[in-house]
Amino acid sequence: MLLLARDAVTLYPAGVSDDAHGWAEPGDAAAPLWTGTGNFQGRPGRSATLAADSGGHGPFDPLAGAAGVLYLPPDAPVEDGMLAELRGQRFALSQAFYVTDPADPGGALDCWAAVATGLDGWPP
């Protein structure tokens, strides 16, 4: 069980291959590892205006992206670098950690939590 779970989530593997510059590419989007229900708690995302830093086009056309924390049930195979698809968007997962219910370890309130950074505009 996951409290407040309401988002349909599909997880894809972490990057396993590198591009010509050595950057890890996302895992095979045709082969999801897990599909289930999670809970995305959004917060203000990034907003970058400088072309030199992250591809924005000034203060009136920044490169903006969603961000938040994604909570998933204990059976989800969560790890840093995975791609999560939810709410019609894709997110890169990082800082994944397992949360144990202090009142009932291994009980119904255990879950995974991961920072989810939106990939709006990526790949270009």
C-alpha atoms as a PDB file:
ATOM      1  CA  MET A   1       0.000   0.000   0.000  1.00  0.00           C
ATOM      2  CA  LEU A   2       1.197   3.524  -0.715  1.00  0.00           C
ATOM      3  CA  LEU A   3      -0.549   6.436   0.950  1.00  0.00           C
ATOM      4  CA  LEU A   4      -2.077   8.897  -1.486  1.00  0.00           C
ATOM      5  CA  ALA A   5      -1.040   6.750  -4.449  1.00  0.00           C
ATOM      6  CA  ARG A   6      -2.815   8.004  -7.540  1.00  0.00           C
ATOM      7  CA  ASP A   7      -0.295   8.253 -10.352  1.00  0.00           C
ATOM      8  CA  ALA A   8       0.151   5.499 -12.930  1.00  0.00           C
ATOM      9  CA  VAL A   9       3.939   5.056 -13.187  1.00  0.00           C
ATOM     10  CA  THR A  10       6.108   3.119 -15.636  1.00  0.00           C
ATOM     11  CA  LEU A  11       9.787   2.602 -14.806  1.00  0.00           C
ATOM     12  CA  TYR A  12      12.470   2.043 -17.447  1.00  0.00           C
ATOM     13  CA  PRO A  13      16.039   0.856 -16.814  1.00  0.00           C
ATOM     14  CA  ALA A  14      18.887   3.158 -15.926  1.00  0.00           C
ATOM     15  CA  GLY A  15      21.227   4.193 -18.721  1.00  0.00           C
ATOM     16  CA  VAL A  16      23.425   1.366 -19.879  1.00  0.00           C
ATOM     17  CA  SER A  17      24.971   2.711 -23.068  1.00  0.00           C
ATOM     18  CA  ASP A  18      27.009   5.823 -23.728  1.00  0.00           C
ATOM     19  CA  ASP A  19      26.672   8.308 -26.574  1.00  0.00           C
ATOM     20  CA  ALA A  20      29.639   9.582 -28.592  1.00  0.00           C
ATOM     21  CA  HIS A  21      30.542  11.987 -25.760  1.00  0.00           C
ATOM     22  CA  GLY A  22      30.478   9.355 -23.015  1.00  0.00           C
ATOM     23  CA  TRP A  23      27.111  10.412 -21.546  1.00  0.00           C
ATOM     24  CA  ALA A  24      24.828   7.568 -20.470  1.00  0.00           C
ATOM     25  CA  GLU A  25      21.748   7.270 -22.625  1.00  0.00           C
ATOM     26  CA  PRO A  26      18.417   6.322 -21.024  1.00  0.00           C
ATOM     27  CA  GLY A  27      17.513   2.649 -20.907  1.00  0.00           C
ATOM     28  CA  ASP A  28      15.406   0.944 -23.550  1.00  0.00           C
ATOM     29  CA  ALA A  29      12.065   2.777 -23.506  1.00  0.00           C
ATOM     30  CA  ALA A  30      10.444  -0.181 -25.252  1.00  0.00           C
ATOM     31  CA  ALA A  31      11.088  -2.483 -22.301  1.00  0.00           C
ATOM     32  CA  PRO A  32       9.548  -1.214 -19.056  1.00  0.00           C
ATOM     33  CA  LEU A  33      10.837  -2.831 -15.871  1.00  0.00           C
ATOM     34  CA  TRP A  34       7.810  -2.070 -13.731  1.00  0.00           C
ATOM     35  CA  THR A  35       4.347  -0.563 -14.001  1.00  0.00           C
ATOM     36  CA  GLY A  36       2.178   0.328 -11.051  1.00  0.00           C
ATOM     37  CA  THR A  37       0.816   3.112  -8.895  1.00  0.00           C
ATOM     38  CA  GLY A  38       2.935   5.746  -7.184  1.00  0.00           C
ATOM     39  CA  ASN A  39       2.608   9.238  -5.810  1.00  0.00           C
ATOM     40  CA  PHE A  40       4.347  12.264  -7.316  1.00  0.00           C
ATOM     41  CA  GLN A  41       4.704  15.242  -4.986  1.00  0.00           C
ATOM     42  CA  GLY A  42       5.647  18.113  -7.277  1.00  0.00           C
ATOM     43  CA  ARG A  43       7.577  21.204  -6.247  1.00  0.00           C
ATOM     44  CA  PRO A  44       8.954  24.178  -8.166  1.00  0.00           C
ATOM     45  CA  GLY A  45      11.307  22.860 -10.830  1.00  0.00           C
ATOM     46  CA  ARG A  46      14.343  24.340 -12.460  1.00  0.00           C
ATOM     47  CA  SER A  47      14.198  27.469 -14.574  1.00  0.00           C
ATOM     48  CA  ALA A  48      17.377  28.353 -16.439  1.00  0.00           C
ATOM     49  CA  THR A  49      17.660  31.444 -18.611  1.00  0.00           C
ATOM     50  CA  LEU A  50      21.262  31.314 -19.819  1.00  0.00           C
ATOM     51  CA  ALA A  51      22.006  29.578 -23.099  1.00  0.00           C
ATOM     52  CA  ALA A  52      25.565  28.911 -21.932  1.00  0.00           C
ATOM     53  CA  ASP A  53      24.418  27.012 -18.844  1.00  0.00           C
ATOM     54  CA  SER A  54      21.436  24.941 -19.812  1.00  0.00           C
ATOM     55  CA  GLY A  55      19.788  26.000 -23.018  1.00  0.00           C
ATOM     56  CA  GLY A  56      17.414  28.773 -21.947  1.00  0.00           C
ATOM     57  CA  HIS A  57      16.670  31.729 -24.182  1.00  0.00           C
ATOM     58  CA  GLY A  58      16.562  34.617 -21.728  1.00  0.00           C
ATOM     59  CA  PRO A  59      14.312  35.512 -18.800  1.00  0.00           C
ATOM     60  CA  PHE A  60      11.147  35.409 -20.918  1.00  0.00           C
ATOM     61  CA  ASP A  61      11.845  31.990 -22.438  1.00  0.00           C
ATOM     62  CA  PRO A  62      13.738  29.929 -19.858  1.00  0.00           C
ATOM     63  CA  LEU A  63      14.374  26.211 -20.096  1.00  0.00           C
ATOM     64  CA  ALA A  64      11.987  25.098 -17.362  1.00  0.00           C
ATOM     65  CA  GLY A  65      11.316  21.652 -16.024  1.00  0.00           C
ATOM     66  CA  ALA A  66       9.143  19.866 -13.500  1.00  0.00           C
ATOM     67  CA  ALA A  67      10.612  18.359 -10.349  1.00  0.00           C
ATOM     68  CA  GLY A  68       9.448  16.636  -7.210  1.00  0.00           C
ATOM     69  CA  VAL A  69       9.666  13.476  -5.150  1.00  0.00           C
ATOM     70  CA  LEU A  70       8.227  10.223  -6.441  1.00  0.00           C
ATOM     71  CA  TYR A  71       7.037   7.668  -3.890  1.00  0.00           C
ATOM     72  CA  LEU A  72       6.710   4.059  -5.012  1.00  0.00           C
ATOM     73  CA  PRO A  73       5.735   0.804  -3.297  1.00  0.00           C
ATOM     74  CA  PRO A  74       8.397  -1.554  -1.905  1.00  0.00           C
ATOM     75  CA  ASP A  75       8.160  -3.963  -4.867  1.00  0.00           C
ATOM     76  CA  ALA A  76       9.233  -1.301  -7.387  1.00  0.00           C
ATOM     77  CA  PRO A  77      12.827  -1.892  -8.611  1.00  0.00           C
ATOM     78  CA  VAL A  78      14.031   1.675  -7.964  1.00  0.00           C
ATOM     79  CA  GLU A  79      17.596   2.884  -8.585  1.00  0.00           C
ATOM     80  CA  ASP A  80      19.325   6.101  -9.557  1.00  0.00           C
ATOM     81  CA  GLY A  81      19.388   6.798 -13.276  1.00  0.00           C
ATOM     82  CA  MET A  82      16.049   5.173 -14.051  1.00  0.00           C
ATOM     83  CA  LEU A  83      13.474   6.835 -16.251  1.00  0.00           C
ATOM     84  CA  ALA A  84       9.949   7.216 -14.864  1.00  0.00           C
ATOM     85  CA  GLU A  85       6.965   8.029 -17.025  1.00  0.00           C
ATOM     86  CA  LEU A  86       3.927   9.562 -15.342  1.00  0.00           C
ATOM     87  CA  ARG A  87       1.366  12.282 -15.967  1.00  0.00           C
ATOM     88  CA  GLY A  88       2.369  12.269 -19.631  1.00  0.00           C
ATOM     89  CA  GLN A  89       5.948  13.291 -18.810  1.00  0.00           C
ATOM     90  CA  ARG A  90       9.316  11.622 -18.362  1.00  0.00           C
ATOM     91  CA  PHE A  91      11.487  12.075 -15.295  1.00  0.00           C
ATOM     92  CA  ALA A  92      15.042  11.049 -14.407  1.00  0.00           C
ATOM     93  CA  LEU A  93      15.268   9.464 -10.945  1.00  0.00           C
ATOM     94  CA  SER A  94      18.084  10.209  -8.521  1.00  0.00           C
ATOM     95  CA  GLN A  95      18.800  10.084  -4.786  1.00  0.00           C
ATOM     96  CA  ALA A  96      16.611   6.983  -4.434  1.00  0.00           C
ATOM     97  CA  PHE A  97      16.235   5.632  -0.930  1.00  0.00           C
ATOM     98  CA  TYR A  98      14.067   3.154   0.921  1.00  0.00           C
ATOM     99  CA  VAL A  99      11.806   4.495   3.669  1.00  0.00           C
ATOM    100  CA  THR A 100      10.940   2.110   6.481  1.00  0.00           C
ATOM    101  CA  ASP A 101       7.849   2.696   8.592  1.00  0.00           C
ATOM    102  CA  PRO A 102       9.303   3.293  12.089  1.00  0.00           C
ATOM    103  CA  ALA A 103       6.151   1.982  13.788  1.00  0.00           C
ATOM    104  CA  ASP A 104       6.024  -1.239  11.750  1.00  0.00           C
ATOM    105  CA  PRO A 105       9.255  -1.993   9.827  1.00  0.00           C
ATOM    106  CA  GLY A 106       8.467  -4.108   6.795  1.00  0.00           C
ATOM    107  CA  GLY A 107       4.816  -3.133   7.122  1.00  0.00           C
ATOM    108  CA  ALA A 108       2.321  -1.513   4.833  1.00  0.00           C
ATOM    109  CA  LEU A 109       3.822   1.994   4.989  1.00  0.00           C
ATOM    110  CA  ASP A 110       7.322   1.136   3.740  1.00  0.00           C
ATOM    111  CA  CYS A 111       8.097   2.725   0.362  1.00  0.00           C
ATOM    112  CA  TRP A 112      10.745   3.987  -2.030  1.00  0.00           C
ATOM    113  CA  ALA A 113      11.347   7.709  -2.505  1.00  0.00           C
ATOM    114  CA  ALA A 114      13.379   9.303  -5.305  1.00  0.00           C
ATOM    115  CA  VAL A 115      13.964  12.800  -6.597  1.00  0.00           C
ATOM    116  CA  ALA A 116      12.274  13.080  -9.995  1.00  0.00           C
ATOM    117  CA  THR A 117      13.633  15.690 -12.407  1.00  0.00           C
ATOM    118  CA  GLY A 118      11.560  16.418 -15.481  1.00  0.00           C
ATOM    119  CA  LEU A 119      13.100  15.889 -18.900  1.00  0.00           C
ATOM    120  CA  ASP A 120      11.038  18.576 -20.653  1.00  0.00           C
ATOM    121  CA  GLY A 121      12.728  19.354 -23.946  1.00  0.00           C
ATOM    122  CA  TRP A 122      15.144  16.415 -23.701  1.00  0.00           C
ATOM    123  CA  PRO A 123      16.220  14.752 -25.828  1.00  0.00           C
ATOM    124  CA  PRO A 124      16.510  17.754 -28.143  1.00  0.00           C
END
